[in-house]
């Protein structure tokens, strides 16, 4: 996403979540079942309000890529948050300066 935007400007946010996204359907080298391990939820908040959310299922490829549009309102933070099936949560915060 851009570091700056004009007030009212619509811009694209691109996110790639680095994760193996193991479906639980595959077998290992010796026929053993590889346990399921997926990201289940992704959320993006801007100025404290959720502007995008997604739910994932076992059929999603590794390192899922997301793209969505947001309108710049005022300077503030974007908080990206994703959670796996075990409840582990990751967050990344990125600032936007609106001019």
C-alpha atoms as a PDB file:
ATOM      1  CA  UNK A   1       0.000   0.000   0.000  1.00  0.00           C
ATOM      2  CA  UNK A   2       1.188   3.565  -0.480  1.00  0.00           C
ATOM      3  CA  UNK A   3       2.800   5.526   2.339  1.00  0.00           C
ATOM      4  CA  UNK A   4       0.786   8.641   1.425  1.00  0.00           C
ATOM      5  CA  UNK A   5      -2.555   9.361  -0.244  1.00  0.00           C
ATOM      6  CA  UNK A   6      -4.754  12.360  -0.993  1.00  0.00           C
ATOM      7  CA  UNK A   7      -7.919  12.729   1.037  1.00  0.00           C
ATOM      8  CA  UNK A   8     -10.719  10.801  -0.679  1.00  0.00           C
ATOM      9  CA  UNK A   9      -8.298   8.866  -2.895  1.00  0.00           C
ATOM     10  CA  UNK A  10      -9.136   5.215  -3.479  1.00  0.00           C
ATOM     11  CA  UNK A  11      -6.050   3.006  -3.416  1.00  0.00           C
ATOM     12  CA  UNK A  12      -5.271  -0.689  -3.583  1.00  0.00           C
ATOM     13  CA  UNK A  13      -4.001  -2.644  -0.613  1.00  0.00           C
ATOM     14  CA  UNK A  14      -2.119  -5.841  -1.477  1.00  0.00           C
ATOM     15  CA  UNK A  15      -1.404  -8.460   1.170  1.00  0.00           C
ATOM     16  CA  UNK A  16       0.414 -11.777   0.978  1.00  0.00           C
ATOM     17  CA  UNK A  17       0.217 -13.964   4.066  1.00  0.00           C
ATOM     18  CA  UNK A  18       3.273 -16.204   4.250  1.00  0.00           C
ATOM     19  CA  UNK A  19       1.944 -19.530   5.488  1.00  0.00           C
ATOM     20  CA  UNK A  20       2.153 -23.146   4.275  1.00  0.00           C
ATOM     21  CA  UNK A  21      -1.658 -23.604   4.432  1.00  0.00           C
ATOM     22  CA  UNK A  22      -1.492 -27.384   4.830  1.00  0.00           C
ATOM     23  CA  UNK A  23      -4.945 -28.793   3.968  1.00  0.00           C
ATOM     24  CA  UNK A  24      -4.744 -32.000   5.996  1.00  0.00           C
ATOM     25  CA  UNK A  25      -5.510 -34.066   2.871  1.00  0.00           C
ATOM     26  CA  UNK A  26      -1.937 -34.689   1.752  1.00  0.00           C
ATOM     27  CA  UNK A  27       0.304 -37.587   2.705  1.00  0.00           C
ATOM     28  CA  UNK A  28       4.006 -37.434   3.514  1.00  0.00           C
ATOM     29  CA  UNK A  29       6.871 -39.392   1.983  1.00  0.00           C
ATOM     30  CA  UNK A  30       5.994 -42.517   4.000  1.00  0.00           C
ATOM     31  CA  UNK A  31       2.208 -42.304   3.611  1.00  0.00           C
ATOM     32  CA  UNK A  32       1.613 -40.527   6.908  1.00  0.00           C
ATOM     33  CA  UNK A  33      -1.115 -37.897   6.973  1.00  0.00           C
ATOM     34  CA  UNK A  34       0.233 -34.345   7.122  1.00  0.00           C
ATOM     35  CA  UNK A  35      -1.848 -32.518   9.761  1.00  0.00           C
ATOM     36  CA  UNK A  36      -4.050 -29.624   8.745  1.00  0.00           C
ATOM     37  CA  UNK A  37      -2.524 -26.213   9.471  1.00  0.00           C
ATOM     38  CA  UNK A  38      -4.298 -23.237   7.908  1.00  0.00           C
ATOM     39  CA  UNK A  39      -4.910 -19.561   8.434  1.00  0.00           C
ATOM     40  CA  UNK A  40      -8.648 -19.254   9.093  1.00  0.00           C
ATOM     41  CA  UNK A  41      -9.317 -15.522   9.370  1.00  0.00           C
ATOM     42  CA  UNK A  42      -7.823 -12.311   8.023  1.00  0.00           C
ATOM     43  CA  UNK A  43      -8.965  -8.829   9.036  1.00  0.00           C
ATOM     44  CA  UNK A  44      -7.852  -5.320   8.157  1.00  0.00           C
ATOM     45  CA  UNK A  45      -8.778  -2.292  10.259  1.00  0.00           C
ATOM     46  CA  UNK A  46      -8.242   1.325   9.259  1.00  0.00           C
ATOM     47  CA  UNK A  47      -8.775   4.044  11.860  1.00  0.00           C
ATOM     48  CA  UNK A  48     -10.221   1.391  14.174  1.00  0.00           C
ATOM     49  CA  UNK A  49     -12.898   0.218  11.712  1.00  0.00           C
ATOM     50  CA  UNK A  50     -12.810  -3.083   9.858  1.00  0.00           C
ATOM     51  CA  UNK A  51     -12.462  -2.357   6.130  1.00  0.00           C
ATOM     52  CA  UNK A  52     -11.865  -5.916   4.896  1.00  0.00           C
ATOM     53  CA  UNK A  53     -12.212  -9.457   6.231  1.00  0.00           C
ATOM     54  CA  UNK A  54     -11.749 -12.909   4.774  1.00  0.00           C
ATOM     55  CA  UNK A  55     -12.227 -16.477   5.921  1.00  0.00           C
ATOM     56  CA  UNK A  56     -10.025 -19.284   4.569  1.00  0.00           C
ATOM     57  CA  UNK A  57     -10.636 -22.996   4.117  1.00  0.00           C
ATOM     58  CA  UNK A  58      -8.358 -26.008   3.404  1.00  0.00           C
ATOM     59  CA  UNK A  59      -8.529 -25.524  -0.384  1.00  0.00           C
ATOM     60  CA  UNK A  60      -6.632 -22.202  -0.279  1.00  0.00           C
ATOM     61  CA  UNK A  61      -3.078 -22.296  -1.642  1.00  0.00           C
ATOM     62  CA  UNK A  62       0.012 -21.609   0.427  1.00  0.00           C
ATOM     63  CA  UNK A  63       0.933 -17.941   0.901  1.00  0.00           C
ATOM     64  CA  UNK A  64      -2.512 -16.538   0.046  1.00  0.00           C
ATOM     65  CA  UNK A  65      -2.572 -13.186  -1.763  1.00  0.00           C
ATOM     66  CA  UNK A  66      -5.336 -10.639  -1.165  1.00  0.00           C
ATOM     67  CA  UNK A  67      -6.110  -7.345  -2.863  1.00  0.00           C
ATOM     68  CA  UNK A  68      -8.798  -4.812  -1.909  1.00  0.00           C
ATOM     69  CA  UNK A  69      -9.601  -1.112  -2.272  1.00  0.00           C
ATOM     70  CA  UNK A  70      -9.781   1.500   0.492  1.00  0.00           C
ATOM     71  CA  UNK A  71     -10.662   5.207   0.436  1.00  0.00           C
ATOM     72  CA  UNK A  72      -8.244   7.507   2.300  1.00  0.00           C
ATOM     73  CA  UNK A  73     -10.075   9.452   5.012  1.00  0.00           C
ATOM     74  CA  UNK A  74      -7.348  10.783   7.282  1.00  0.00           C
ATOM     75  CA  UNK A  75      -3.878   9.853   8.476  1.00  0.00           C
ATOM     76  CA  UNK A  76      -3.797   6.769  10.632  1.00  0.00           C
ATOM     77  CA  UNK A  77      -2.854   3.145  10.976  1.00  0.00           C
ATOM     78  CA  UNK A  78      -3.862   0.037   9.120  1.00  0.00           C
ATOM     79  CA  UNK A  79      -3.847  -3.034  11.338  1.00  0.00           C
ATOM     80  CA  UNK A  80      -3.592  -6.350   9.493  1.00  0.00           C
ATOM     81  CA  UNK A  81      -4.418  -9.382  11.592  1.00  0.00           C
ATOM     82  CA  UNK A  82      -4.583 -13.063  10.722  1.00  0.00           C
ATOM     83  CA  UNK A  83      -5.390 -16.061  12.889  1.00  0.00           C
ATOM     84  CA  UNK A  84      -4.671 -19.753  12.395  1.00  0.00           C
ATOM     85  CA  UNK A  85      -6.821 -22.733  13.340  1.00  0.00           C
ATOM     86  CA  UNK A  86      -5.019 -23.041  16.683  1.00  0.00           C
ATOM     87  CA  UNK A  87      -5.890 -19.480  17.727  1.00  0.00           C
ATOM     88  CA  UNK A  88      -2.420 -18.038  17.120  1.00  0.00           C
ATOM     89  CA  UNK A  89      -2.709 -14.421  15.955  1.00  0.00           C
ATOM     90  CA  UNK A  90      -0.232 -12.318  13.965  1.00  0.00           C
ATOM     91  CA  UNK A  91      -0.471  -8.533  13.496  1.00  0.00           C
ATOM     92  CA  UNK A  92       1.231  -5.996  11.318  1.00  0.00           C
ATOM     93  CA  UNK A  93       0.628  -2.253  11.509  1.00  0.00           C
ATOM     94  CA  UNK A  94       1.310   0.154   8.655  1.00  0.00           C
ATOM     95  CA  UNK A  95       0.839   3.918   8.742  1.00  0.00           C
ATOM     96  CA  UNK A  96      -0.827   6.031   6.063  1.00  0.00           C
ATOM     97  CA  UNK A  97      -0.260   9.782   5.782  1.00  0.00           C
ATOM     98  CA  UNK A  98      -3.223  11.550   4.166  1.00  0.00           C
ATOM     99  CA  UNK A  99      -2.483  14.933   2.633  1.00  0.00           C
END
